[in-house]
N, C-alpha and C. Protein backbone atom coordinates (compact mmCIF):
# COMPACT_ATOMS: atom_id res chain seq x y z
N UNK A 1 45.16 45.59 -66.48
CA UNK A 1 44.72 44.77 -67.95
C UNK A 1 43.03 44.89 -67.63
N UNK A 2 42.68 44.74 -69.15
CA UNK A 2 41.22 45.20 -69.09
C UNK A 2 40.79 44.02 -69.14
N UNK A 3 39.40 43.73 -68.61
CA UNK A 3 38.86 42.41 -68.42
C UNK A 3 38.22 41.96 -69.70
N UNK A 4 38.27 43.05 -70.42
CA UNK A 4 37.97 42.63 -72.04
C UNK A 4 38.74 41.76 -72.62
N UNK A 5 39.83 41.62 -72.29
CA UNK A 5 41.33 40.86 -72.73
C UNK A 5 41.24 39.23 -72.37
N UNK A 6 40.65 39.54 -71.69
CA UNK A 6 40.29 38.06 -70.60
C UNK A 6 39.45 37.72 -71.47
N UNK A 7 38.18 38.43 -71.47
CA UNK A 7 37.45 37.62 -72.11
C UNK A 7 37.82 37.25 -73.82
N UNK A 8 38.51 38.11 -74.83
CA UNK A 8 38.84 37.95 -75.97
C UNK A 8 39.94 36.47 -75.70
N UNK A 9 40.94 36.05 -74.37
CA UNK A 9 41.71 35.08 -74.57
C UNK A 9 40.46 34.12 -74.27
N UNK A 10 39.67 33.92 -73.35
CA UNK A 10 38.47 32.67 -73.52
C UNK A 10 38.06 32.29 -74.41
N UNK A 11 37.35 33.34 -75.56
CA UNK A 11 37.03 33.13 -76.52
C UNK A 11 37.82 33.02 -77.52
N UNK A 12 39.03 33.50 -77.15
CA UNK A 12 40.16 32.25 -78.35
C UNK A 12 40.47 31.04 -77.74
N UNK A 13 40.62 30.56 -76.72
CA UNK A 13 40.65 29.51 -76.03
C UNK A 13 39.74 28.52 -76.78
N UNK A 14 38.71 29.10 -76.95
CA UNK A 14 37.49 28.30 -76.83
C UNK A 14 37.56 27.65 -78.50
N UNK A 15 38.22 29.12 -79.84
CA UNK A 15 38.52 28.69 -81.15
C UNK A 15 39.45 27.76 -81.38
N UNK A 16 40.18 28.32 -80.37
CA UNK A 16 41.36 27.01 -80.55
C UNK A 16 41.01 25.81 -80.37
N UNK A 17 40.38 25.50 -79.40
CA UNK A 17 39.81 23.78 -79.16
C UNK A 17 38.95 23.58 -80.08
N UNK A 18 38.14 24.22 -80.22
CA UNK A 18 37.58 23.76 -81.56
C UNK A 18 37.69 23.61 -82.97
N UNK A 19 39.11 24.03 -82.92
CA UNK A 19 39.63 24.26 -84.15
C UNK A 19 40.45 22.66 -84.34
N UNK A 20 40.65 22.28 -83.53
CA UNK A 20 41.53 20.53 -83.85
C UNK A 20 40.61 19.60 -83.83
N UNK A 21 39.32 19.55 -83.57
CA UNK A 21 38.53 18.35 -83.84
C UNK A 21 38.29 18.21 -85.72
N UNK A 22 38.25 19.60 -85.87
CA UNK A 22 37.89 19.99 -87.32
C UNK A 22 38.51 19.78 -88.21
N UNK A 23 39.68 20.13 -88.00
CA UNK A 23 40.89 20.44 -89.02
C UNK A 23 41.20 19.07 -89.28
N UNK A 24 41.26 18.18 -87.71
CA UNK A 24 41.80 16.67 -87.80
C UNK A 24 41.38 16.02 -88.47
N UNK A 25 39.90 16.06 -88.07
CA UNK A 25 38.95 15.77 -89.27
C UNK A 25 39.19 15.60 -90.27
N UNK A 26 39.12 16.56 -90.81
CA UNK A 26 39.14 16.96 -92.10
C UNK A 26 40.52 16.25 -93.09
N UNK A 27 41.38 16.48 -92.15
CA UNK A 27 42.97 15.57 -92.70
C UNK A 27 43.17 14.16 -92.67
N UNK A 28 42.11 14.22 -92.12
CA UNK A 28 42.07 12.59 -91.97
C UNK A 28 41.35 11.94 -92.94
N UNK A 29 39.97 12.91 -93.55
CA UNK A 29 39.24 12.41 -94.97
C UNK A 29 37.96 12.21 -94.10
N UNK A 30 37.70 12.54 -93.07
CA UNK A 30 36.56 12.19 -92.49
C UNK A 30 35.69 12.91 -92.21
N UNK A 31 34.50 13.18 -92.89
CA UNK A 31 33.66 14.00 -92.23
C UNK A 31 32.99 14.06 -90.64
N UNK A 32 32.70 15.31 -90.46
CA UNK A 32 32.47 15.36 -89.02
C UNK A 32 31.06 16.76 -89.19
N UNK A 33 30.65 16.87 -87.99
CA UNK A 33 29.32 17.72 -87.46
C UNK A 33 30.16 19.36 -87.97
N UNK A 34 29.33 20.19 -88.62
CA UNK A 34 29.94 21.66 -88.35
C UNK A 34 28.79 22.31 -88.35
N UNK A 35 28.85 23.69 -88.28
CA UNK A 35 27.63 24.26 -88.33
C UNK A 35 26.80 24.70 -90.07
N UNK A 36 27.88 24.26 -90.91
CA UNK A 36 27.50 23.92 -92.05
C UNK A 36 26.59 22.86 -92.72
N UNK A 37 25.97 22.05 -91.39
CA UNK A 37 25.52 20.89 -91.93
C UNK A 37 24.34 20.82 -92.32
N UNK A 38 23.53 20.03 -92.17
CA UNK A 38 22.29 20.23 -92.01
C UNK A 38 21.27 18.80 -91.33
N UNK A 39 21.13 18.70 -90.10
CA UNK A 39 21.02 20.04 -89.44
C UNK A 39 22.30 20.29 -89.11
N UNK A 40 22.28 21.97 -88.89
CA UNK A 40 23.76 22.49 -88.15
C UNK A 40 24.04 22.12 -87.13
N UNK A 41 25.02 21.98 -87.19
CA UNK A 41 25.84 21.55 -85.54
C UNK A 41 25.35 20.06 -85.15
N UNK A 42 24.64 19.28 -86.04
CA UNK A 42 24.62 17.76 -86.32
C UNK A 42 24.53 17.15 -87.05
N UNK A 43 24.39 17.15 -88.29
CA UNK A 43 24.61 16.57 -89.45
C UNK A 43 26.15 16.63 -89.94
N UNK A 44 26.66 15.79 -90.87
CA UNK A 44 27.96 15.94 -91.34
C UNK A 44 28.26 16.32 -92.31
N UNK A 45 29.79 17.40 -92.11
CA UNK A 45 30.06 17.86 -93.32
C UNK A 45 31.23 17.10 -93.98
N UNK A 46 31.50 17.80 -95.11
CA UNK A 46 32.64 16.93 -95.52
C UNK A 46 34.17 17.30 -94.97
N UNK A 47 34.71 16.68 -95.57
CA UNK A 47 36.63 16.77 -95.17
C UNK A 47 37.01 18.14 -95.21
N UNK A 48 36.85 18.22 -96.42
CA UNK A 48 37.12 20.16 -96.84
C UNK A 48 36.49 20.69 -96.15
N UNK A 49 35.01 21.02 -95.88
CA UNK A 49 34.36 21.67 -94.86
C UNK A 49 34.95 21.84 -93.77
N UNK A 50 35.62 20.87 -93.37
CA UNK A 50 35.92 20.88 -91.86
C UNK A 50 37.07 20.99 -92.08
N UNK A 51 38.49 20.89 -92.86
CA UNK A 51 39.56 21.83 -92.88
C UNK A 51 39.17 23.20 -92.75
N UNK A 52 38.48 23.97 -93.65
CA UNK A 52 38.22 25.39 -94.07
C UNK A 52 37.74 25.81 -92.65
N UNK A 53 37.06 25.33 -92.11
CA UNK A 53 36.10 25.39 -91.06
C UNK A 53 37.24 25.32 -89.39
N UNK A 54 38.00 24.72 -89.77
CA UNK A 54 38.89 24.23 -88.81
C UNK A 54 40.24 25.34 -88.81
N UNK A 55 40.27 25.72 -89.88
CA UNK A 55 41.45 26.52 -90.22
C UNK A 55 40.88 28.00 -90.10
N UNK A 56 39.50 28.27 -90.29
CA UNK A 56 38.41 29.66 -89.60
C UNK A 56 39.02 29.79 -88.23
N UNK A 57 38.69 29.01 -87.34
CA UNK A 57 38.71 28.64 -86.05
C UNK A 57 40.22 29.34 -85.69
N UNK A 58 41.38 28.37 -86.17
CA UNK A 58 42.77 28.90 -85.60
C UNK A 58 42.67 30.77 -86.17
N UNK A 59 42.43 31.01 -87.60
CA UNK A 59 42.04 32.60 -87.86
C UNK A 59 41.97 33.53 -86.28
N UNK A 60 40.26 32.64 -86.32
CA UNK A 60 39.52 33.37 -84.88
C UNK A 60 40.69 33.90 -83.54
N UNK A 61 41.23 32.73 -83.66
CA UNK A 61 41.94 32.16 -82.10
C UNK A 61 43.24 33.44 -82.15
N UNK A 62 43.42 32.99 -83.40
CA UNK A 62 44.84 34.56 -83.26
C UNK A 62 44.50 35.91 -83.29
N UNK A 63 43.37 36.16 -83.75
CA UNK A 63 43.19 37.38 -83.82
C UNK A 63 42.67 38.16 -82.36
N UNK A 64 42.26 36.81 -81.43
CA UNK A 64 41.74 37.33 -80.04
C UNK A 64 42.43 37.53 -79.30
N UNK A 65 43.83 36.53 -79.99
CA UNK A 65 44.86 35.98 -78.52
C UNK A 65 46.12 36.99 -78.89
N UNK A 66 46.48 37.17 -80.05
CA UNK A 66 48.01 37.92 -80.75
C UNK A 66 46.88 39.51 -80.66
N UNK A 67 46.60 39.26 -81.61
CA UNK A 67 46.11 40.80 -81.84
C UNK A 67 45.23 41.96 -80.30
N UNK A 68 44.86 41.08 -79.60
CA UNK A 68 44.09 42.33 -78.25
C UNK A 68 45.05 41.77 -77.24
N UNK A 69 45.56 43.02 -76.49
CA UNK A 69 46.25 43.15 -75.49
C UNK A 69 47.68 42.90 -76.34
N UNK A 70 48.18 42.34 -74.55
CA UNK A 70 49.25 41.59 -74.68
C UNK A 70 49.54 40.28 -73.85
N UNK A 71 48.62 39.39 -74.98
CA UNK A 71 49.16 38.24 -74.06
C UNK A 71 50.51 37.50 -73.68
N UNK A 72 50.41 36.79 -72.98
CA UNK A 72 51.88 35.98 -72.50
C UNK A 72 51.48 35.20 -71.32
N UNK A 73 52.01 33.77 -72.12
CA UNK A 73 51.46 32.47 -71.64
C UNK A 73 52.04 32.31 -69.92
N UNK A 74 52.82 33.33 -69.39
CA UNK A 74 53.13 32.91 -68.63
C UNK A 74 52.88 33.57 -67.01
N UNK A 75 51.54 34.62 -67.35
CA UNK A 75 50.60 35.76 -66.96
C UNK A 75 49.72 34.33 -66.42
N UNK A 76 49.74 34.03 -65.53
CA UNK A 76 48.65 32.98 -64.87
C UNK A 76 47.09 33.28 -65.17
N UNK A 77 46.86 34.63 -64.98
CA UNK A 77 45.29 35.37 -65.55
C UNK A 77 44.92 34.99 -67.30
N UNK A 78 45.86 35.05 -68.04
CA UNK A 78 45.72 35.44 -69.20
C UNK A 78 45.63 33.60 -69.65
N UNK A 79 46.74 32.63 -69.00
CA UNK A 79 47.09 31.56 -69.07
C UNK A 79 45.42 30.97 -68.64
N UNK A 80 45.45 31.20 -67.55
CA UNK A 80 43.89 30.89 -66.88
C UNK A 80 42.44 31.03 -67.70
N UNK A 81 42.70 32.39 -68.56
CA UNK A 81 41.18 32.92 -69.29
C UNK A 81 41.55 32.01 -70.32
N UNK A 82 42.55 31.84 -71.19
CA UNK A 82 42.38 30.91 -72.21
C UNK A 82 42.52 29.26 -71.91
N UNK A 83 42.74 28.55 -71.02
CA UNK A 83 42.37 27.29 -70.55
C UNK A 83 41.24 27.30 -69.95
N UNK A 84 40.21 28.64 -69.42
CA UNK A 84 39.05 28.14 -69.52
C UNK A 84 38.17 28.25 -70.44
N UNK A 85 38.49 29.06 -71.44
CA UNK A 85 38.01 28.61 -72.55
C UNK A 85 37.31 27.33 -73.14
N UNK A 86 38.90 27.11 -73.19
CA UNK A 86 39.06 25.84 -73.76
C UNK A 86 37.75 24.61 -73.09
N UNK A 87 38.05 24.84 -71.75
CA UNK A 87 37.79 23.80 -71.26
C UNK A 87 36.24 24.05 -70.96
N UNK A 88 35.71 25.15 -71.16
CA UNK A 88 34.22 25.11 -71.44
C UNK A 88 33.38 24.62 -72.81
N UNK A 89 34.53 25.03 -73.86
CA UNK A 89 33.53 24.70 -75.05
C UNK A 89 34.10 22.89 -75.06
N UNK A 90 35.12 22.59 -74.52
CA UNK A 90 35.22 21.05 -74.67
C UNK A 90 34.25 20.08 -73.55
N UNK A 91 34.04 21.00 -72.76
CA UNK A 91 32.74 20.23 -72.06
C UNK A 91 31.46 20.32 -72.65
N UNK A 92 31.18 21.67 -73.58
CA UNK A 92 29.75 21.68 -74.20
C UNK A 92 30.50 20.24 -75.22
N UNK A 93 31.25 20.45 -76.08
CA UNK A 93 31.16 19.76 -77.04
C UNK A 93 31.39 17.88 -76.80
N UNK A 94 31.44 17.85 -75.78
CA UNK A 94 31.66 16.28 -75.15
C UNK A 94 30.48 16.06 -75.04
N UNK A 95 29.47 17.06 -74.14
CA UNK A 95 28.25 17.01 -74.04
C UNK A 95 27.48 16.63 -75.46
N UNK A 96 27.40 17.41 -76.09
CA UNK A 96 26.30 17.71 -77.02
C UNK A 96 26.97 16.52 -78.49
N UNK A 97 28.01 16.33 -78.54
CA UNK A 97 28.72 15.17 -79.81
C UNK A 97 28.33 13.37 -79.46
N UNK A 98 28.83 13.69 -78.11
CA UNK A 98 28.58 12.47 -76.82
C UNK A 98 27.29 11.98 -77.42
N UNK A 99 26.30 12.10 -77.66
CA UNK A 99 24.95 11.37 -77.87
C UNK A 99 24.87 11.24 -79.52
N UNK A 100 26.09 11.59 -80.33
CA UNK A 100 26.40 11.18 -81.65
C UNK A 100 27.06 10.06 -81.49
N UNK A 101 28.54 9.98 -80.95
CA UNK A 101 28.99 8.99 -81.04
C UNK A 101 29.29 7.56 -79.73
N UNK A 102 28.48 7.98 -78.72
CA UNK A 102 28.39 6.95 -77.23
C UNK A 102 29.44 7.57 -76.59
N UNK A 103 29.52 8.90 -76.98
CA UNK A 103 30.46 9.29 -75.32
C UNK A 103 29.48 9.70 -73.88
N UNK A 104 27.89 9.92 -73.89
CA UNK A 104 27.92 10.34 -72.97
C UNK A 104 27.16 9.10 -72.48
N UNK A 105 27.10 8.91 -71.06
CA UNK A 105 26.87 7.58 -70.37
C UNK A 105 25.25 7.78 -70.15
N UNK A 106 24.70 6.36 -69.88
CA UNK A 106 23.25 6.12 -70.01
C UNK A 106 23.11 6.68 -68.99
N UNK A 107 21.54 7.07 -68.32
CA UNK A 107 21.37 7.77 -67.13
C UNK A 107 20.87 6.39 -66.15
N UNK A 108 21.23 6.26 -64.93
CA UNK A 108 21.19 5.24 -64.02
C UNK A 108 19.34 5.64 -63.79
N UNK A 109 18.62 4.05 -63.96
CA UNK A 109 17.22 4.30 -63.42
C UNK A 109 17.24 3.83 -62.19
């Protein structure tokens, strides 16, 4: 199994995890940060933009996971690569967006 397949699965996991908040926020009619807002990644985009961006992330996930190699969810290496991609983008998003929504704990002095 080429390591590039595992890298594709990790990026696929990142796109899958990124799709969830955008698609769900959009379906709930709520604005949410997106790369298309001003400033990019910090400002709010409309619910329609977020549904479209969430769906685009699902397409990228599909292309990276279903169309590259032979992804098998029962293969520990495949599942780990996908999960690590999800975890990485999840931790990044928690730190980045936590400062806007109160999710980042204040530093102790």
